C-alpha atoms as a PDB file:
ATOM      1  CA  UNK A   1      34.936   5.435 -41.039  1.00  0.00           C
ATOM      2  CA  UNK A   2      38.063   4.645 -39.226  1.00  0.00           C
ATOM      3  CA  UNK A   3      39.327   1.542 -37.037  1.00  0.00           C
ATOM      4  CA  UNK A   4      39.009   3.189 -34.087  1.00  0.00           C
ATOM      5  CA  UNK A   5      35.090   4.552 -34.555  1.00  0.00           C
ATOM      6  CA  UNK A   6      34.018   1.035 -35.965  1.00  0.00           C
ATOM      7  CA  UNK A   7      35.833  -0.463 -32.524  1.00  0.00           C
ATOM      8  CA  UNK A   8      34.396   2.252 -30.056  1.00  0.00           C
ATOM      9  CA  UNK A   9      30.362   1.435 -32.256  1.00  0.00           C
ATOM     10  CA  UNK A  10      30.869  -2.299 -31.936  1.00  0.00           C
ATOM     11  CA  UNK A  11      31.772  -2.483 -28.327  1.00  0.00           C
ATOM     12  CA  UNK A  12      29.683   0.186 -27.320  1.00  0.00           C
ATOM     13  CA  UNK A  13      26.678  -1.661 -28.777  1.00  0.00           C
ATOM     14  CA  UNK A  14      28.058  -5.061 -27.478  1.00  0.00           C
ATOM     15  CA  UNK A  15      28.248  -3.454 -23.975  1.00  0.00           C
ATOM     16  CA  UNK A  16      24.531  -2.645 -24.332  1.00  0.00           C
ATOM     17  CA  UNK A  17      23.027  -5.892 -25.868  1.00  0.00           C
ATOM     18  CA  UNK A  18      24.944  -7.542 -22.962  1.00  0.00           C
ATOM     19  CA  UNK A  19      23.374  -4.980 -20.500  1.00  0.00           C
ATOM     20  CA  UNK A  20      19.875  -5.462 -22.142  1.00  0.00           C
ATOM     21  CA  UNK A  21      20.603  -9.645 -22.139  1.00  0.00           C
ATOM     22  CA  UNK A  22      21.467  -9.657 -17.975  1.00  0.00           C
ATOM     23  CA  UNK A  23      18.215  -7.257 -17.401  1.00  0.00           C
ATOM     24  CA  UNK A  24      16.286  -8.996 -19.326  1.00  0.00           C
ATOM     25  CA  UNK A  25      16.952 -12.854 -17.801  1.00  0.00           C
ATOM     26  CA  UNK A  26      17.374 -11.088 -14.531  1.00  0.00           C
ATOM     27  CA  UNK A  27      14.523 -11.196 -12.361  1.00  0.00           C
ATOM     28  CA  UNK A  28      13.940  -7.872  -9.633  1.00  0.00           C
ATOM     29  CA  UNK A  29      12.691  -7.944  -6.499  1.00  0.00           C
ATOM     30  CA  UNK A  30       9.593  -6.355  -7.433  1.00  0.00           C
ATOM     31  CA  UNK A  31       9.000  -8.790  -9.942  1.00  0.00           C
ATOM     32  CA  UNK A  32       9.579 -11.505  -7.132  1.00  0.00           C
ATOM     33  CA  UNK A  33       7.839  -9.558  -4.356  1.00  0.00           C
ATOM     34  CA  UNK A  34       4.998  -9.043  -7.130  1.00  0.00           C
ATOM     35  CA  UNK A  35       4.891 -12.910  -7.827  1.00  0.00           C
ATOM     36  CA  UNK A  36       4.238 -13.619  -3.555  1.00  0.00           C
ATOM     37  CA  UNK A  37       3.264 -12.480  -1.013  1.00  0.00           C
ATOM     38  CA  UNK A  38       5.455 -11.510   2.283  1.00  0.00           C
ATOM     39  CA  UNK A  39       4.510 -10.804   5.969  1.00  0.00           C
ATOM     40  CA  UNK A  40       6.956  -7.536   5.725  1.00  0.00           C
ATOM     41  CA  UNK A  41       6.243  -5.065   2.364  1.00  0.00           C
ATOM     42  CA  UNK A  42       7.498  -1.766   2.439  1.00  0.00           C
ATOM     43  CA  UNK A  43       7.694   0.394  -0.242  1.00  0.00           C
ATOM     44  CA  UNK A  44      11.110   1.862  -1.761  1.00  0.00           C
ATOM     45  CA  UNK A  45      11.837   4.440   0.128  1.00  0.00           C
ATOM     46  CA  UNK A  46      10.978   2.950   3.249  1.00  0.00           C
ATOM     47  CA  UNK A  47      13.642  -0.464   2.412  1.00  0.00           C
ATOM     48  CA  UNK A  48      15.626   2.359   1.731  1.00  0.00           C
ATOM     49  CA  UNK A  49      15.366   4.456   4.837  1.00  0.00           C
ATOM     50  CA  UNK A  50      16.112   0.178   7.042  1.00  0.00           C
ATOM     51  CA  UNK A  51      18.983  -0.519   4.808  1.00  0.00           C
ATOM     52  CA  UNK A  52      22.300   1.070   3.743  1.00  0.00           C
ATOM     53  CA  UNK A  53      23.032   1.145   0.301  1.00  0.00           C
ATOM     54  CA  UNK A  54      24.713  -2.164   0.111  1.00  0.00           C
ATOM     55  CA  UNK A  55      21.983  -3.877   1.792  1.00  0.00           C
ATOM     56  CA  UNK A  56      19.474  -2.460  -0.589  1.00  0.00           C
ATOM     57  CA  UNK A  57      21.729  -3.523  -3.801  1.00  0.00           C
ATOM     58  CA  UNK A  58      21.753  -7.508  -2.248  1.00  0.00           C
ATOM     59  CA  UNK A  59      18.366  -7.597  -0.643  1.00  0.00           C
ATOM     60  CA  UNK A  60      16.035  -6.086  -2.508  1.00  0.00           C
ATOM     61  CA  UNK A  61      17.928  -5.379  -6.420  1.00  0.00           C
ATOM     62  CA  UNK A  62      19.565  -8.909  -6.323  1.00  0.00           C
ATOM     63  CA  UNK A  63      23.405  -8.074  -5.860  1.00  0.00           C
ATOM     64  CA  UNK A  64      25.772  -9.362  -5.164  1.00  0.00           C
ATOM     65  CA  UNK A  65      28.892  -8.642  -2.636  1.00  0.00           C
ATOM     66  CA  UNK A  66      32.230  -8.859  -3.562  1.00  0.00           C
ATOM     67  CA  UNK A  67      33.747 -12.438  -2.274  1.00  0.00           C
ATOM     68  CA  UNK A  68      35.604 -12.220   0.882  1.00  0.00           C
ATOM     69  CA  UNK A  69      34.268  -9.076   1.313  1.00  0.00           C
ATOM     70  CA  UNK A  70      31.808  -9.972   4.395  1.00  0.00           C
ATOM     71  CA  UNK A  71      33.178  -9.748   8.317  1.00  0.00           C
ATOM     72  CA  UNK A  72      30.388 -12.324   9.001  1.00  0.00           C
ATOM     73  CA  UNK A  73      32.534 -15.184   6.629  1.00  0.00           C
ATOM     74  CA  UNK A  74      34.761 -15.270   9.542  1.00  0.00           C
ATOM     75  CA  UNK A  75      32.047 -15.595  12.046  1.00  0.00           C
ATOM     76  CA  UNK A  76      32.763 -18.558  14.239  1.00  0.00           C
ATOM     77  CA  UNK A  77      31.244 -17.601  17.761  1.00  0.00           C
ATOM     78  CA  UNK A  78      28.050 -19.843  18.435  1.00  0.00           C
ATOM     79  CA  UNK A  79      24.496 -17.814  17.779  1.00  0.00           C
ATOM     80  CA  UNK A  80      22.281 -17.368  15.424  1.00  0.00           C
ATOM     81  CA  UNK A  81      22.315 -15.523  11.928  1.00  0.00           C
ATOM     82  CA  UNK A  82      19.291 -13.446  10.622  1.00  0.00           C
ATOM     83  CA  UNK A  83      17.846 -11.873   8.198  1.00  0.00           C
ATOM     84  CA  UNK A  84      19.177  -7.693   7.571  1.00  0.00           C
ATOM     85  CA  UNK A  85      15.822  -6.774   6.187  1.00  0.00           C
ATOM     86  CA  UNK A  86      13.506  -8.106   8.884  1.00  0.00           C
ATOM     87  CA  UNK A  87      15.450  -9.817  11.387  1.00  0.00           C
ATOM     88  CA  UNK A  88      13.986 -13.780  10.946  1.00  0.00           C
ATOM     89  CA  UNK A  89      16.532 -16.255  12.288  1.00  0.00           C
ATOM     90  CA  UNK A  90      17.982 -18.366   9.166  1.00  0.00           C
ATOM     91  CA  UNK A  91      20.784 -20.145  10.086  1.00  0.00           C
ATOM     92  CA  UNK A  92      22.180 -21.579  13.311  1.00  0.00           C
ATOM     93  CA  UNK A  93      25.950 -20.944  13.178  1.00  0.00           C
ATOM     94  CA  UNK A  94      26.273 -24.465  13.782  1.00  0.00           C
ATOM     95  CA  UNK A  95      25.407 -25.195  10.601  1.00  0.00           C
ATOM     96  CA  UNK A  96      27.780 -22.900   8.982  1.00  0.00           C
ATOM     97  CA  UNK A  97      31.048 -24.395   7.171  1.00  0.00           C
ATOM     98  CA  UNK A  98      34.766 -22.384   5.846  1.00  0.00           C
ATOM     99  CA  UNK A  99      33.210 -23.170   2.006  1.00  0.00           C
ATOM    100  CA  UNK A 100      35.897 -21.401   0.259  1.00  0.00           C
ATOM    101  CA  UNK A 101      33.937 -19.340  -1.769  1.00  0.00           C
ATOM    102  CA  UNK A 102      34.074 -16.382  -0.212  1.00  0.00           C
ATOM    103  CA  UNK A 103      30.680 -15.864   0.842  1.00  0.00           C
ATOM    104  CA  UNK A 104      29.191 -17.627   4.446  1.00  0.00           C
ATOM    105  CA  UNK A 105      28.103 -20.465   3.727  1.00  0.00           C
ATOM    106  CA  UNK A 106      25.370 -22.832   5.601  1.00  0.00           C
ATOM    107  CA  UNK A 107      24.410 -26.629   5.240  1.00  0.00           C
ATOM    108  CA  UNK A 108      20.999 -25.638   6.351  1.00  0.00           C
ATOM    109  CA  UNK A 109      18.670 -23.364   7.006  1.00  0.00           C
ATOM    110  CA  UNK A 110      16.386 -23.206  10.376  1.00  0.00           C
ATOM    111  CA  UNK A 111      12.903 -24.372   9.585  1.00  0.00           C
ATOM    112  CA  UNK A 112      10.012 -22.351   7.726  1.00  0.00           C
ATOM    113  CA  UNK A 113      13.005 -19.332   7.462  1.00  0.00           C
ATOM    114  CA  UNK A 114      14.172 -19.383   3.423  1.00  0.00           C
ATOM    115  CA  UNK A 115      12.157 -19.652   0.658  1.00  0.00           C
ATOM    116  CA  UNK A 116      13.684 -20.876  -3.057  1.00  0.00           C
ATOM    117  CA  UNK A 117      13.081 -19.755  -6.436  1.00  0.00           C
ATOM    118  CA  UNK A 118      14.538 -20.552  -9.866  1.00  0.00           C
ATOM    119  CA  UNK A 119      17.560 -17.689 -11.228  1.00  0.00           C
ATOM    120  CA  UNK A 120      17.925 -18.141 -14.930  1.00  0.00           C
ATOM    121  CA  UNK A 121      20.081 -14.853 -14.773  1.00  0.00           C
ATOM    122  CA  UNK A 122      23.502 -14.490 -16.470  1.00  0.00           C
ATOM    123  CA  UNK A 123      22.418 -17.651 -18.650  1.00  0.00           C
ATOM    124  CA  UNK A 124      22.673 -20.117 -16.145  1.00  0.00           C
ATOM    125  CA  UNK A 125      19.910 -21.785 -13.233  1.00  0.00           C
ATOM    126  CA  UNK A 126      20.849 -21.840 -10.199  1.00  0.00           C
ATOM    127  CA  UNK A 127      18.051 -21.900  -6.844  1.00  0.00           C
ATOM    128  CA  UNK A 128      17.877 -18.507  -5.489  1.00  0.00           C
ATOM    129  CA  UNK A 129      17.356 -18.019  -1.867  1.00  0.00           C
ATOM    130  CA  UNK A 130      15.323 -15.616  -0.303  1.00  0.00           C
ATOM    131  CA  UNK A 131      13.575 -14.896   3.208  1.00  0.00           C
ATOM    132  CA  UNK A 132      10.465 -15.925   3.302  1.00  0.00           C
ATOM    133  CA  UNK A 133       8.956 -13.687   5.461  1.00  0.00           C
ATOM    134  CA  UNK A 134      10.319 -10.281   3.612  1.00  0.00           C
ATOM    135  CA  UNK A 135      11.448 -11.831   0.179  1.00  0.00           C
ATOM    136  CA  UNK A 136      14.952 -10.800   0.844  1.00  0.00           C
ATOM    137  CA  UNK A 137      17.655 -12.063  -1.615  1.00  0.00           C
ATOM    138  CA  UNK A 138      20.141 -13.688   0.487  1.00  0.00           C
ATOM    139  CA  UNK A 139      22.273 -15.506  -2.346  1.00  0.00           C
ATOM    140  CA  UNK A 140      21.677 -19.364  -3.774  1.00  0.00           C
ATOM    141  CA  UNK A 141      22.032 -22.821  -2.654  1.00  0.00           C
ATOM    142  CA  UNK A 142      24.270 -25.632  -4.618  1.00  0.00           C
ATOM    143  CA  UNK A 143      24.205 -29.509  -4.075  1.00  0.00           C
ATOM    144  CA  UNK A 144      28.290 -29.611  -3.495  1.00  0.00           C
ATOM    145  CA  UNK A 145      28.123 -29.157   0.458  1.00  0.00           C
ATOM    146  CA  UNK A 146      29.173 -31.424   3.533  1.00  0.00           C
ATOM    147  CA  UNK A 147      27.268 -33.863   5.426  1.00  0.00           C
ATOM    148  CA  UNK A 148      24.513 -34.528   6.331  1.00  0.00           C
ATOM    149  CA  UNK A 149      22.409 -32.606   3.606  1.00  0.00           C
ATOM    150  CA  UNK A 150      25.073 -32.481   0.637  1.00  0.00           C
ATOM    151  CA  UNK A 151      23.518 -28.680   0.456  1.00  0.00           C
ATOM    152  CA  UNK A 152      25.897 -25.156   0.151  1.00  0.00           C
ATOM    153  CA  UNK A 153      23.722 -21.716   1.026  1.00  0.00           C
ATOM    154  CA  UNK A 154      26.036 -19.476   0.021  1.00  0.00           C
ATOM    155  CA  UNK A 155      24.609 -16.001   1.527  1.00  0.00           C
ATOM    156  CA  UNK A 156      25.868 -12.826   1.150  1.00  0.00           C
ATOM    157  CA  UNK A 157      26.834 -11.615   4.060  1.00  0.00           C
ATOM    158  CA  UNK A 158      25.881  -7.715   3.884  1.00  0.00           C
ATOM    159  CA  UNK A 159      21.748  -9.696   3.853  1.00  0.00           C
ATOM    160  CA  UNK A 160      22.765 -11.234   6.943  1.00  0.00           C
ATOM    161  CA  UNK A 161      23.053  -9.860  10.847  1.00  0.00           C
ATOM    162  CA  UNK A 162      24.714 -12.044  14.053  1.00  0.00           C
ATOM    163  CA  UNK A 163      23.339 -12.823  17.185  1.00  0.00           C
ATOM    164  CA  UNK A 164      26.131 -14.388  19.639  1.00  0.00           C
ATOM    165  CA  UNK A 165      24.239 -16.827  21.561  1.00  0.00           C
ATOM    166  CA  UNK A 166      25.334 -14.633  24.933  1.00  0.00           C
ATOM    167  CA  UNK A 167      23.510 -11.970  23.756  1.00  0.00           C
END
């Protein structure tokens, strides 16, 4: 076997192994939803009708949008951020801050708005945040936020919609 063929074979094997590991360590929405019950429960086809492809990937498949790509990153008006899946109010704009991470960040959700689960994907342990009503993946929470909570709810803008206070 020549060096080039061996490189392709080894490289391809490594990619397959990494893909299998990522699939193994990353829970799917169906797995999470099966472990809990949510007020809003739709079939996969109904979610596809309700959400665009990118929203579906984030909310139902736990994808992460490209940093800096969300228009909501730059939303500074008074109002409320809602779940793009079920329209539950999640965050008051007064709790939004500029984290410099490239995703909309908040220091506190509204009361009874989100749920949290342990996410062990990508070989690390993080706290995943989901909508408590539909189970949609929103992002993660970290302990490096500003006062008064010291938390940073780092959310995917695709998982959110915004309603200004004067609407």
